[in-house]
């Protein structure tokens, strides 16, 4: 598993990973992927709006913050949290 140097490469790899899950994932995994993709895309969009350079660690930090807020607000059941966190861990390894 390699670290992608540019955020664009990581963003593209993440999109490809999310898309690759569609034909093979369980309903729980599809829910987690859609939920996580929303947080991921929100972080990407927020960082792009700032018009400042950013890297993969900063993007991951923003996703972590967004997920933490959502979990604290009670948006996910315990099982859903587990599925989202497992998927997030795999996504960070891209």
Protein backbone atom coordinates (compact mmCIF):
# COMPACT_ATOMS: atom_id res chain seq x y z
CA UNK A 1 0.00 0.00 0.00
CA UNK A 2 1.58 3.20 -1.14
CA UNK A 3 1.13 6.73 0.03
CA UNK A 4 -0.12 8.84 -2.85
CA UNK A 5 1.89 12.02 -3.14
CA UNK A 6 -0.69 14.46 -4.42
CA UNK A 7 -4.14 14.98 -2.93
CA UNK A 8 -5.69 14.68 -6.41
CA UNK A 9 -4.27 11.15 -6.71
CA UNK A 10 -5.70 10.20 -3.33
CA UNK A 11 -9.08 11.75 -4.14
CA UNK A 12 -9.22 9.83 -7.43
CA UNK A 13 -8.13 6.59 -5.75
CA UNK A 14 -10.81 7.05 -3.08
CA UNK A 15 -13.50 7.63 -5.73
CA UNK A 16 -12.37 4.50 -7.57
CA UNK A 17 -12.43 2.54 -4.32
CA UNK A 18 -15.96 3.68 -3.49
CA UNK A 19 -17.10 2.80 -7.03
CA UNK A 20 -15.47 -0.63 -6.85
CA UNK A 21 -17.57 -1.54 -3.81
CA UNK A 22 -20.91 -1.18 -5.59
CA UNK A 23 -21.11 -4.58 -7.32
CA UNK A 24 -19.80 -6.61 -4.39
CA UNK A 25 -20.66 -4.89 -1.11
CA UNK A 26 -23.34 -5.86 1.38
CA UNK A 27 -26.15 -3.45 2.18
CA UNK A 28 -24.32 -2.40 5.35
CA UNK A 29 -21.11 -1.80 3.43
CA UNK A 30 -22.95 0.19 0.76
CA UNK A 31 -24.56 2.36 3.43
CA UNK A 32 -21.16 2.93 5.09
CA UNK A 33 -19.55 3.72 1.73
CA UNK A 34 -22.24 6.24 0.81
CA UNK A 35 -22.13 7.84 4.24
CA UNK A 36 -18.33 8.04 4.29
CA UNK A 37 -18.21 9.30 0.71
CA UNK A 38 -20.46 12.18 1.73
CA UNK A 39 -18.09 13.17 4.53
CA UNK A 40 -15.08 12.68 2.25
CA UNK A 41 -16.56 14.80 -0.53
CA UNK A 42 -17.57 17.50 1.96
CA UNK A 43 -14.00 17.66 3.27
CA UNK A 44 -12.58 17.84 -0.26
CA UNK A 45 -15.02 20.58 -1.23
CA UNK A 46 -14.36 22.58 1.92
CA UNK A 47 -10.61 22.43 1.41
CA UNK A 48 -10.94 23.38 -2.26
CA UNK A 49 -13.12 26.39 -1.39
CA UNK A 50 -10.36 27.62 0.91
CA UNK A 51 -8.17 27.79 -2.23
CA UNK A 52 -5.12 26.86 -0.18
CA UNK A 53 -2.87 23.91 -0.96
CA UNK A 54 -3.67 20.82 1.06
CA UNK A 55 -2.33 17.31 1.36
CA UNK A 56 -3.64 13.87 2.21
CA UNK A 57 -3.00 14.18 5.99
CA UNK A 58 -4.98 17.42 6.16
CA UNK A 59 -7.81 15.91 4.11
CA UNK A 60 -7.89 12.87 6.40
CA UNK A 61 -7.96 15.17 9.43
CA UNK A 62 -11.00 17.01 8.05
CA UNK A 63 -12.80 13.72 7.37
CA UNK A 64 -11.98 12.53 10.91
CA UNK A 65 -13.36 15.78 12.36
CA UNK A 66 -16.53 15.50 10.30
CA UNK A 67 -17.08 11.88 11.30
CA UNK A 68 -16.43 12.65 14.97
CA UNK A 69 -19.06 15.41 14.92
CA UNK A 70 -21.59 13.16 13.23
CA UNK A 71 -21.01 10.32 15.69
CA UNK A 72 -21.22 12.70 18.64
CA UNK A 73 -24.52 13.98 17.25
CA UNK A 74 -25.87 10.42 17.24
CA UNK A 75 -26.17 10.09 13.46
CA UNK A 76 -25.03 6.45 13.40
CA UNK A 77 -25.91 3.31 15.28
CA UNK A 78 -23.08 1.37 16.89
CA UNK A 79 -23.07 -1.13 14.02
CA UNK A 80 -23.07 1.64 11.42
CA UNK A 81 -20.19 3.35 13.24
CA UNK A 82 -18.22 0.11 13.09
CA UNK A 83 -18.83 -0.31 9.35
CA UNK A 84 -17.93 3.31 8.60
CA UNK A 85 -14.77 3.17 10.74
CA UNK A 86 -13.63 -0.09 9.11
CA UNK A 87 -14.13 1.38 5.67
CA UNK A 88 -12.40 4.62 6.69
CA UNK A 89 -9.38 2.68 7.94
CA UNK A 90 -9.09 0.89 4.58
CA UNK A 91 -9.53 4.11 2.64
CA UNK A 92 -6.71 5.81 4.52
CA UNK A 93 -4.33 3.06 3.38
CA UNK A 94 -4.74 3.98 -0.29
